[in-house]
Amino acid sequence: MRIASGNDIAKSCHNAVVPVEIKTIGNSGQISLGKEHAGRTVVVEEVESGVWMIRTAKVIPDSEMWLHTPEVRASLDRALEWSGKTERSESDLNALKRKVRRGK
């Protein structure tokens, strides 16, 4: 194995040419991926000892998981379809208040 210097090119296990950049893990165990990736959420998988796969990810909070169930997704799809077909109109809040008070 040769040690690359600076930015180099290497062949992956699939013989694809990929850019290679040498990084050093700091004393605190951190590695910088560059400012262009600052603030991104990533999943880090240790594929084997000394080999990590880093992929960007979007995380859904536990309190919002219910929004991603098939039932809610179908309901939201129906609502969006209705919204796309229905002409917009001004709301009459007084009429709505009277309707609510009558229980209808």
Protein backbone atom coordinates (compact mmCIF):
# COMPACT_ATOMS: atom_id res chain seq x y z
CA MET A 1 0.00 0.00 0.00
CA ARG A 2 1.31 3.43 -0.85
CA ILE A 3 0.60 6.56 1.11
CA ALA A 4 -1.07 9.30 -0.92
CA SER A 5 -0.12 12.90 -0.47
CA GLY A 6 -2.65 15.76 -0.51
CA ASN A 7 -5.49 15.09 -2.91
CA ASP A 8 -4.96 11.92 -4.89
CA ILE A 9 -6.95 9.52 -7.06
CA ALA A 10 -7.53 5.86 -6.22
CA LYS A 11 -9.57 2.97 -7.58
CA SER A 12 -12.39 1.69 -5.41
CA CYS A 13 -13.20 -1.98 -4.97
CA HIS A 14 -15.46 -1.60 -8.03
CA ASN A 15 -12.59 -0.14 -10.10
CA ALA A 16 -14.25 3.27 -10.13
CA VAL A 17 -11.88 6.19 -9.94
CA VAL A 18 -12.61 8.16 -6.78
CA PRO A 19 -10.85 11.17 -5.24
CA VAL A 20 -8.88 10.41 -2.09
CA GLU A 21 -8.05 12.90 0.62
CA ILE A 22 -5.83 12.06 3.59
CA LYS A 23 -7.21 13.20 6.97
CA THR A 24 -5.84 12.81 10.49
CA ILE A 25 -8.11 11.94 13.40
CA GLY A 26 -7.47 14.50 16.15
CA ASN A 27 -6.80 13.82 19.82
CA SER A 28 -10.50 14.22 20.59
CA GLY A 29 -11.42 11.57 17.99
CA GLN A 30 -12.80 14.06 15.47
CA ILE A 31 -12.22 14.40 11.75
CA SER A 32 -13.17 17.38 9.59
CA LEU A 33 -15.06 16.71 6.38
CA GLY A 34 -14.92 20.35 5.28
CA LYS A 35 -16.94 23.48 5.95
CA GLU A 36 -19.28 22.72 3.05
CA HIS A 37 -20.66 19.85 5.15
CA ALA A 38 -20.97 21.82 8.41
CA GLY A 39 -24.24 21.23 10.26
CA ARG A 40 -25.24 18.16 8.22
CA THR A 41 -26.51 15.05 10.01
CA VAL A 42 -24.65 11.88 9.07
CA VAL A 43 -24.78 8.17 9.79
CA VAL A 44 -21.39 6.65 10.52
CA GLU A 45 -21.11 2.89 10.07
CA GLU A 46 -17.99 0.93 10.95
CA VAL A 47 -17.95 -1.57 8.09
CA GLU A 48 -14.92 -3.33 9.53
CA SER A 49 -12.12 -2.37 11.88
CA GLY A 50 -10.65 0.88 10.54
CA VAL A 51 -13.18 1.25 7.70
CA TRP A 52 -16.05 3.70 8.10
CA MET A 53 -18.90 4.56 5.77
CA ILE A 54 -20.28 8.07 6.25
CA ARG A 55 -23.63 8.95 4.66
CA THR A 56 -25.78 12.05 4.99
CA ALA A 57 -29.14 11.44 6.64
CA LYS A 58 -32.38 13.13 7.60
CA VAL A 59 -33.65 12.23 11.05
CA ILE A 60 -37.33 12.18 12.02
CA PRO A 61 -37.96 13.00 15.70
CA ASP A 62 -39.89 10.31 17.61
CA SER A 63 -42.69 12.81 18.26
CA GLU A 64 -43.22 13.20 14.49
CA MET A 65 -43.02 9.53 13.44
CA TRP A 66 -46.83 9.28 13.43
CA LEU A 67 -46.86 11.63 10.43
CA HIS A 68 -45.01 9.00 8.40
CA THR A 69 -47.43 6.09 8.91
CA PRO A 70 -49.26 4.79 5.81
CA GLU A 71 -52.63 5.90 7.22
CA VAL A 72 -51.58 9.50 7.85
CA ARG A 73 -49.70 9.65 4.54
CA ALA A 74 -52.85 8.53 2.70
CA SER A 75 -54.92 11.12 4.61
CA LEU A 76 -52.44 13.87 3.74
CA ASP A 77 -52.42 12.76 0.09
CA ARG A 78 -56.25 12.99 0.01
CA ALA A 79 -56.13 16.44 1.63
CA LEU A 80 -53.57 17.68 -0.89
CA GLU A 81 -55.59 16.26 -3.77
CA TRP A 82 -58.75 17.98 -2.44
CA SER A 83 -56.83 21.23 -1.99
CA GLY A 84 -55.58 21.06 -5.57
CA LYS A 85 -59.10 20.57 -6.96
CA THR A 86 -60.97 22.99 -4.70
CA GLU A 87 -61.21 26.67 -5.53
CA ARG A 88 -60.00 28.99 -2.79
CA SER A 89 -62.49 31.33 -1.18
CA GLU A 90 -62.56 33.84 1.64
CA SER A 91 -63.49 32.33 5.02
CA ASP A 92 -66.49 33.75 6.86
CA LEU A 93 -65.38 33.30 10.46
CA ASN A 94 -68.65 34.66 11.89
CA ALA A 95 -70.65 32.05 9.96
CA LEU A 96 -68.25 29.36 11.15
CA LYS A 97 -68.64 30.54 14.76
CA ARG A 98 -72.47 30.38 14.47
CA LYS A 99 -72.25 26.90 12.95
CA VAL A 100 -70.00 25.67 15.78
CA ARG A 101 -72.32 27.14 18.43
CA ARG A 102 -75.31 25.36 16.86
CA GLY A 103 -73.34 22.10 17.01
CA LYS A 104 -73.41 21.46 13.27
